[in-house]
């Protein structure tokens, strides 16, 4: 006859009691998720956030909603996500500004995006496009526009989609590298900046290819150059600023999904898997149709890539001397 000791019986009873608790752990995700877009609706980051939310929701089996939380150049939304419950239900649509420029513009000892946010997946890379309204001013090309800026220092009204944005950084880099002086007119997002350009209130504007591309195709605005050092497929006729004579000029704008750094590894892996599946052939075609270049980086290489890119932008932001609003 088998003897059951008191200790063995207690251990077995504890195991039986624990089993229902283990079985009761809900699978992730079991409720809707959200992607915080740290900029106003209507801009390129908002567009990419909605693309990501729709596609990830299909692979996660739960809806993913977009929440716009603009302010402080994207820092308000980014900080809110970094300090949210690290349960995987809150993500950020991040950019080179939230990760690399804002730590210079808005230093905050309680929040460091490189420490407090982790990559889920990269989505798209794109240039800013130098555009004008030909009904207000119609330079033949970027060279002619730069010649006038040199001849009339401070007189050209040069808009941006916000102080410290990639649009503003593009302008600052151009002025520094080409020896130009302009009057900066910042707006709060791409939509109001492009609306001002169409209304004839601005001479020039740097705007992301994703939000300016349709206006370029319609002839509402004219493209003079792009900020990347290579042409892009969707605007192949538009030259680069390097081609226009600004040697070494290169700036690209990425968008990707991030999560709080303390998210459990298994949940992070689930989010990364859903994102990877979302970046299928249909999504790549959709991104190209919206004047962006797909940016696919394997999960194993994602964090080193983000860290290196952020460091590069920290240097650019410091060298530019920009200040917060």
Protein backbone atom coordinates (compact mmCIF):
# COMPACT_ATOMS: atom_id res chain seq x y z
CA UNK A 1 0.00 0.00 0.00
CA UNK A 2 1.34 3.42 -0.98
CA UNK A 3 1.89 5.82 1.91
CA UNK A 4 0.97 9.46 1.39
CA UNK A 5 2.73 11.76 3.79
CA UNK A 6 1.10 14.90 5.14
CA UNK A 7 3.65 17.04 3.23
CA UNK A 8 2.86 15.26 -0.07
CA UNK A 9 -0.87 15.71 0.46
CA UNK A 10 -0.46 19.40 1.18
CA UNK A 11 1.69 19.88 -1.91
CA UNK A 12 -0.88 18.08 -4.08
CA UNK A 13 -3.71 20.17 -2.63
CA UNK A 14 -1.77 23.40 -3.28
CA UNK A 15 -1.17 22.31 -6.86
CA UNK A 16 -4.87 21.65 -7.40
CA UNK A 17 -5.76 25.03 -5.95
CA UNK A 18 -3.20 26.79 -8.12
CA UNK A 19 -4.26 25.07 -11.35
CA UNK A 20 -7.56 26.96 -11.76
CA UNK A 21 -5.74 30.25 -11.14
CA UNK A 22 -3.23 29.41 -13.84
CA UNK A 23 -5.97 28.37 -16.22
CA UNK A 24 -7.85 31.60 -15.44
CA UNK A 25 -5.04 33.79 -16.84
CA UNK A 26 -6.64 35.38 -19.94
CA UNK A 27 -4.85 35.10 -23.24
CA UNK A 28 -3.37 38.31 -24.62
CA UNK A 29 -5.09 40.30 -25.95
CA UNK A 30 -8.61 39.88 -24.56
CA UNK A 31 -9.80 43.48 -24.99
CA UNK A 32 -9.26 46.40 -27.39
CA UNK A 33 -5.81 47.94 -27.69
CA UNK A 34 -4.82 51.50 -28.58
CA UNK A 35 -2.11 53.26 -30.53
CA UNK A 36 -1.40 56.77 -29.31
CA UNK A 37 -0.55 59.18 -32.13
CA UNK A 38 1.30 62.10 -30.49
CA UNK A 39 0.29 64.58 -33.21
CA UNK A 40 -3.01 66.09 -34.43
CA UNK A 41 -5.30 64.21 -36.84
CA UNK A 42 -4.65 64.54 -40.55
CA UNK A 43 -0.87 64.37 -40.61
CA UNK A 44 1.41 61.60 -41.79
CA UNK A 45 1.85 60.09 -38.31
CA UNK A 46 -1.91 59.94 -37.89
CA UNK A 47 -2.21 58.23 -41.29
CA UNK A 48 0.45 55.65 -40.42
CA UNK A 49 -1.15 55.07 -37.02
CA UNK A 50 -4.48 54.24 -38.65
CA UNK A 51 -2.82 51.90 -41.14
CA UNK A 52 -1.00 50.09 -38.30
CA UNK A 53 -4.08 49.91 -36.06
CA UNK A 54 -6.28 48.41 -38.74
CA UNK A 55 -3.74 45.80 -39.82
CA UNK A 56 -2.52 44.81 -36.34
CA UNK A 57 -6.10 44.47 -35.14
CA UNK A 58 -6.76 41.79 -37.75
CA UNK A 59 -3.82 39.70 -36.52
CA UNK A 60 -4.42 40.29 -32.81
CA UNK A 61 -8.11 39.40 -32.98
CA UNK A 62 -9.06 42.60 -31.15
CA UNK A 63 -9.75 46.13 -32.38
CA UNK A 64 -6.88 48.62 -32.13
CA UNK A 65 -8.10 52.19 -31.76
CA UNK A 66 -6.13 55.36 -32.53
CA UNK A 67 -5.95 58.07 -29.88
CA UNK A 68 -4.49 61.46 -30.85
CA UNK A 69 -2.60 63.12 -27.98
CA UNK A 70 -0.70 66.06 -29.49
CA UNK A 71 1.47 68.61 -27.72
CA UNK A 72 5.09 69.51 -27.06
CA UNK A 73 6.23 68.23 -30.45
CA UNK A 74 4.88 64.75 -29.72
CA UNK A 75 6.39 64.54 -26.25
CA UNK A 76 3.07 64.52 -24.37
CA UNK A 77 1.78 61.43 -26.14
CA UNK A 78 5.14 59.65 -26.05
CA UNK A 79 5.54 60.22 -22.33
CA UNK A 80 1.97 59.06 -21.64
CA UNK A 81 2.67 55.76 -23.40
CA UNK A 82 6.05 55.28 -21.70
CA UNK A 83 4.43 55.74 -18.29
CA UNK A 84 1.30 53.70 -19.05
CA UNK A 85 0.62 50.25 -17.62
CA UNK A 86 3.14 47.94 -19.37
CA UNK A 87 0.51 45.35 -20.26
CA UNK A 88 0.79 45.62 -24.04
CA UNK A 89 -2.55 47.34 -24.52
CA UNK A 90 -1.06 50.81 -25.12
CA UNK A 91 1.36 51.53 -27.96
CA UNK A 92 2.86 54.63 -29.59
CA UNK A 93 3.21 55.62 -33.22
CA UNK A 94 6.75 56.98 -32.84
CA UNK A 95 8.95 59.06 -35.11
CA UNK A 96 12.51 60.31 -35.33
CA UNK A 97 11.26 63.42 -33.49
CA UNK A 98 9.84 61.56 -30.49
CA UNK A 99 12.94 59.38 -30.16
CA UNK A 100 15.81 61.65 -31.19
CA UNK A 101 14.85 65.34 -31.33
CA UNK A 102 12.55 65.72 -28.34
CA UNK A 103 15.10 64.60 -25.72
CA UNK A 104 17.08 67.69 -26.76
CA UNK A 105 14.09 70.04 -27.00
CA UNK A 106 12.28 68.79 -23.90
CA UNK A 107 14.79 67.26 -21.48
CA UNK A 108 12.91 65.41 -18.75
CA UNK A 109 14.68 63.41 -16.07
CA UNK A 110 11.53 61.33 -15.55
CA UNK A 111 11.26 60.26 -19.19
CA UNK A 112 13.84 59.05 -21.69
CA UNK A 113 12.31 57.57 -24.88
CA UNK A 114 15.35 55.38 -25.54
CA UNK A 115 15.12 53.92 -22.04
CA UNK A 116 11.36 53.87 -21.60
CA UNK A 117 10.09 52.74 -25.02
CA UNK A 118 10.86 49.61 -27.00
CA UNK A 119 10.32 48.86 -30.68
CA UNK A 120 7.40 46.77 -31.93
CA UNK A 121 8.07 47.37 -35.63
CA UNK A 122 9.17 49.93 -38.22
CA UNK A 123 6.58 50.89 -40.78
CA UNK A 124 7.66 53.51 -43.30
CA UNK A 125 10.42 55.90 -44.23
CA UNK A 126 9.84 59.00 -46.32
CA UNK A 127 11.34 62.32 -47.27
CA UNK A 128 9.99 65.76 -46.65
CA UNK A 129 9.20 67.59 -49.87
CA UNK A 130 10.06 71.23 -50.49
CA UNK A 131 6.83 72.65 -51.91
CA UNK A 132 5.52 76.02 -53.07
CA UNK A 133 2.22 77.41 -54.29
CA UNK A 134 2.84 78.37 -57.95
CA UNK A 135 0.01 80.90 -57.78
CA UNK A 136 1.96 82.82 -55.11
CA UNK A 137 5.51 82.08 -56.22
CA UNK A 138 6.62 79.75 -58.99
CA UNK A 139 10.37 79.10 -58.97
CA UNK A 140 11.51 76.80 -61.76
CA UNK A 141 13.40 74.55 -59.34
CA UNK A 142 15.06 74.40 -55.93
CA UNK A 143 18.17 76.18 -57.23
CA UNK A 144 16.10 79.22 -58.22
CA UNK A 145 14.30 79.19 -54.87
CA UNK A 146 17.60 79.09 -52.97
CA UNK A 147 19.03 81.90 -55.10
CA UNK A 148 16.13 84.15 -54.08
CA UNK A 149 16.49 83.16 -50.41
CA UNK A 150 20.14 84.21 -50.58
CA UNK A 151 19.32 87.45 -52.37
CA UNK A 152 16.48 88.36 -49.96
CA UNK A 153 17.56 87.21 -46.48
CA UNK A 154 14.72 86.96 -43.98
CA UNK A 155 11.99 87.83 -46.49
CA UNK A 156 10.88 84.33 -47.50
CA UNK A 157 8.03 82.96 -45.36
CA UNK A 158 9.07 79.35 -44.78
CA UNK A 159 6.47 77.26 -42.98
CA UNK A 160 6.85 74.10 -40.94
CA UNK A 161 4.43 71.62 -39.38
CA UNK A 162 5.70 72.51 -35.91
CA UNK A 163 8.72 73.62 -33.95
CA UNK A 164 11.21 70.76 -33.64
CA UNK A 165 9.36 68.63 -36.20
CA UNK A 166 11.15 66.92 -39.08
CA UNK A 167 9.69 69.68 -41.27
CA UNK A 168 11.41 72.31 -39.11
CA UNK A 169 14.63 70.28 -38.95
CA UNK A 170 14.63 70.04 -42.75
CA UNK A 171 14.42 73.82 -42.97
CA UNK A 172 17.11 74.41 -40.34
CA UNK A 173 19.48 71.96 -42.07
CA UNK A 174 18.90 73.58 -45.47
CA UNK A 175 19.55 77.07 -44.13
CA UNK A 176 22.68 75.96 -42.29
CA UNK A 177 24.13 73.93 -45.17
CA UNK A 178 23.24 76.40 -47.94
CA UNK A 179 23.85 79.61 -46.02
CA UNK A 180 20.25 80.84 -46.13
CA UNK A 181 18.18 83.11 -43.88
CA UNK A 182 14.36 82.79 -43.84
CA UNK A 183 11.42 83.65 -41.62
CA UNK A 184 10.14 80.51 -39.89
CA UNK A 185 6.34 80.20 -39.65
CA UNK A 186 5.43 77.15 -37.51
CA UNK A 187 1.98 75.54 -37.56
CA UNK A 188 0.49 72.91 -35.30
CA UNK A 189 0.50 69.95 -37.64
CA UNK A 190 0.62 69.14 -41.32
CA UNK A 191 -3.04 69.88 -42.10
CA UNK A 192 -2.99 73.57 -41.08
CA UNK A 193 0.46 74.08 -42.65
CA UNK A 194 -0.60 72.63 -46.00
CA UNK A 195 -3.88 74.57 -45.83
CA UNK A 196 -1.87 77.78 -45.35
CA UNK A 197 0.31 76.88 -48.32
CA UNK A 198 -2.72 76.21 -50.53
CA UNK A 199 -4.28 79.49 -49.37
CA UNK A 200 -1.18 81.34 -50.52
CA UNK A 201 0.01 82.38 -47.04
CA UNK A 202 3.49 80.85 -47.38
CA UNK A 203 6.35 80.95 -49.85
CA UNK A 204 7.80 77.54 -49.03
CA UNK A 205 7.06 74.55 -46.84
CA UNK A 206 8.69 71.22 -46.05
CA UNK A 207 5.96 68.61 -45.69
CA UNK A 208 6.11 64.82 -45.58
CA UNK A 209 5.69 63.07 -48.93
CA UNK A 210 2.76 61.08 -47.50
CA UNK A 211 0.66 64.20 -46.90
CA UNK A 212 1.92 66.41 -49.73
CA UNK A 213 2.04 63.76 -52.49
CA UNK A 214 -1.66 63.93 -53.41
CA UNK A 215 -1.54 67.75 -53.58
CA UNK A 216 1.52 67.53 -55.82
CA UNK A 217 -0.25 65.10 -58.15
CA UNK A 218 -3.32 67.36 -58.27
CA UNK A 219 -1.19 70.40 -59.09
CA UNK A 220 -2.36 72.28 -55.99
CA UNK A 221 1.26 72.67 -54.90
CA UNK A 222 4.55 72.29 -56.75
CA UNK A 223 7.38 70.02 -55.60
CA UNK A 224 10.89 71.46 -55.89
CA UNK A 225 13.02 68.83 -54.14
CA UNK A 226 12.99 66.02 -51.57
CA UNK A 227 15.15 65.74 -48.46
CA UNK A 228 16.39 62.15 -48.95
CA UNK A 229 19.62 61.62 -50.85
CA UNK A 230 17.90 59.31 -53.34
CA UNK A 231 14.72 59.72 -55.33
CA UNK A 232 11.65 57.77 -54.28
CA UNK A 233 9.53 55.60 -56.54
CA UNK A 234 6.24 57.42 -55.93
CA UNK A 235 7.70 60.87 -56.77
CA UNK A 236 10.48 59.79 -59.10
CA UNK A 237 10.37 63.04 -61.08
CA UNK A 238 11.25 65.16 -58.01
CA UNK A 239 15.02 65.66 -57.56
CA UNK A 240 16.88 65.53 -54.27
CA UNK A 241 18.37 68.56 -52.57
CA UNK A 242 21.76 66.97 -53.20
CA UNK A 243 20.98 67.08 -56.91
CA UNK A 244 20.04 70.73 -56.43
CA UNK A 245 23.56 71.43 -55.17
CA UNK A 246 23.33 71.00 -51.38
CA UNK A 247 26.12 68.46 -50.96
CA UNK A 248 25.61 65.88 -48.21
CA UNK A 249 22.00 66.82 -47.51
CA UNK A 250 19.92 63.87 -46.31
CA UNK A 251 16.94 63.69 -43.99
CA UNK A 252 14.28 60.99 -43.85
CA UNK A 253 11.26 60.61 -41.61
CA UNK A 254 10.40 57.20 -40.20
CA UNK A 255 7.25 55.99 -38.48
CA UNK A 256 7.09 52.92 -36.29
CA UNK A 257 5.15 51.33 -33.44
CA UNK A 258 6.65 51.35 -29.94
CA UNK A 259 5.55 50.02 -26.55
CA UNK A 260 6.50 50.69 -22.92
CA UNK A 261 9.89 49.12 -22.23
CA UNK A 262 8.61 47.10 -19.25
CA UNK A 263 6.13 45.09 -21.34
CA UNK A 264 6.66 41.36 -20.58
CA UNK A 265 8.77 39.64 -23.26
CA UNK A 266 5.98 37.24 -24.26
CA UNK A 267 3.53 40.08 -24.83
CA UNK A 268 6.10 42.12 -26.73
CA UNK A 269 6.79 39.11 -28.93
CA UNK A 270 3.04 38.77 -29.60
CA UNK A 271 2.82 42.42 -30.65
CA UNK A 272 5.91 42.10 -32.84
CA UNK A 273 4.50 39.00 -34.51
CA UNK A 274 1.22 40.77 -35.26
CA UNK A 275 3.10 43.76 -36.66
CA UNK A 276 5.31 41.55 -38.84
CA UNK A 277 2.22 39.83 -40.28
CA UNK A 278 0.60 43.23 -40.84
CA UNK A 279 3.52 44.28 -43.07
CA UNK A 280 2.37 42.01 -45.87
CA UNK A 281 2.39 42.67 -49.62
CA UNK A 282 -0.92 44.56 -49.43
CA UNK A 283 0.44 46.88 -46.73
CA UNK A 284 3.68 47.51 -48.65
CA UNK A 285 1.64 48.43 -51.72
CA UNK A 286 -0.57 50.69 -49.60
CA UNK A 287 2.46 52.49 -48.17
CA UNK A 288 3.95 53.08 -51.61
CA UNK A 289 0.59 54.32 -52.89
CA UNK A 290 0.71 56.93 -50.12
CA UNK A 291 4.11 58.28 -51.21
CA UNK A 292 6.20 56.50 -48.56
CA UNK A 293 8.90 53.84 -48.67
CA UNK A 294 8.26 50.69 -46.58
CA UNK A 295 10.83 50.27 -43.80
CA UNK A 296 11.15 46.65 -42.67
CA UNK A 297 13.63 45.86 -39.87
CA UNK A 298 13.71 42.40 -38.22
CA UNK A 299 12.79 42.40 -34.53
CA UNK A 300 16.27 41.19 -33.53
CA UNK A 301 17.86 44.27 -35.12
CA UNK A 302 15.17 46.78 -34.22
CA UNK A 303 16.41 48.12 -30.87
CA UNK A 304 20.03 48.67 -32.00
CA UNK A 305 18.68 50.45 -35.09
CA UNK A 306 16.43 52.70 -32.99
CA UNK A 307 19.25 53.55 -30.58
CA UNK A 308 21.68 54.45 -33.39
CA UNK A 309 19.08 56.54 -35.21
CA UNK A 310 18.10 58.40 -32.02
CA UNK A 311 21.74 59.21 -31.32
CA UNK A 312 22.13 60.63 -34.82
CA UNK A 313 19.12 62.89 -34.35
CA UNK A 314 20.29 64.02 -30.93
CA UNK A 315 23.46 65.30 -32.63
CA UNK A 316 21.50 67.00 -35.43
CA UNK A 317 19.11 68.66 -32.95
CA UNK A 318 21.96 69.95 -30.80
CA UNK A 319 23.87 71.29 -33.80
CA UNK A 320 20.76 73.04 -35.14
CA UNK A 321 20.29 75.08 -31.97
CA UNK A 322 16.48 74.83 -32.13
CA UNK A 323 14.47 75.74 -29.05
CA UNK A 324 11.00 74.64 -27.89
CA UNK A 325 7.97 76.89 -28.45
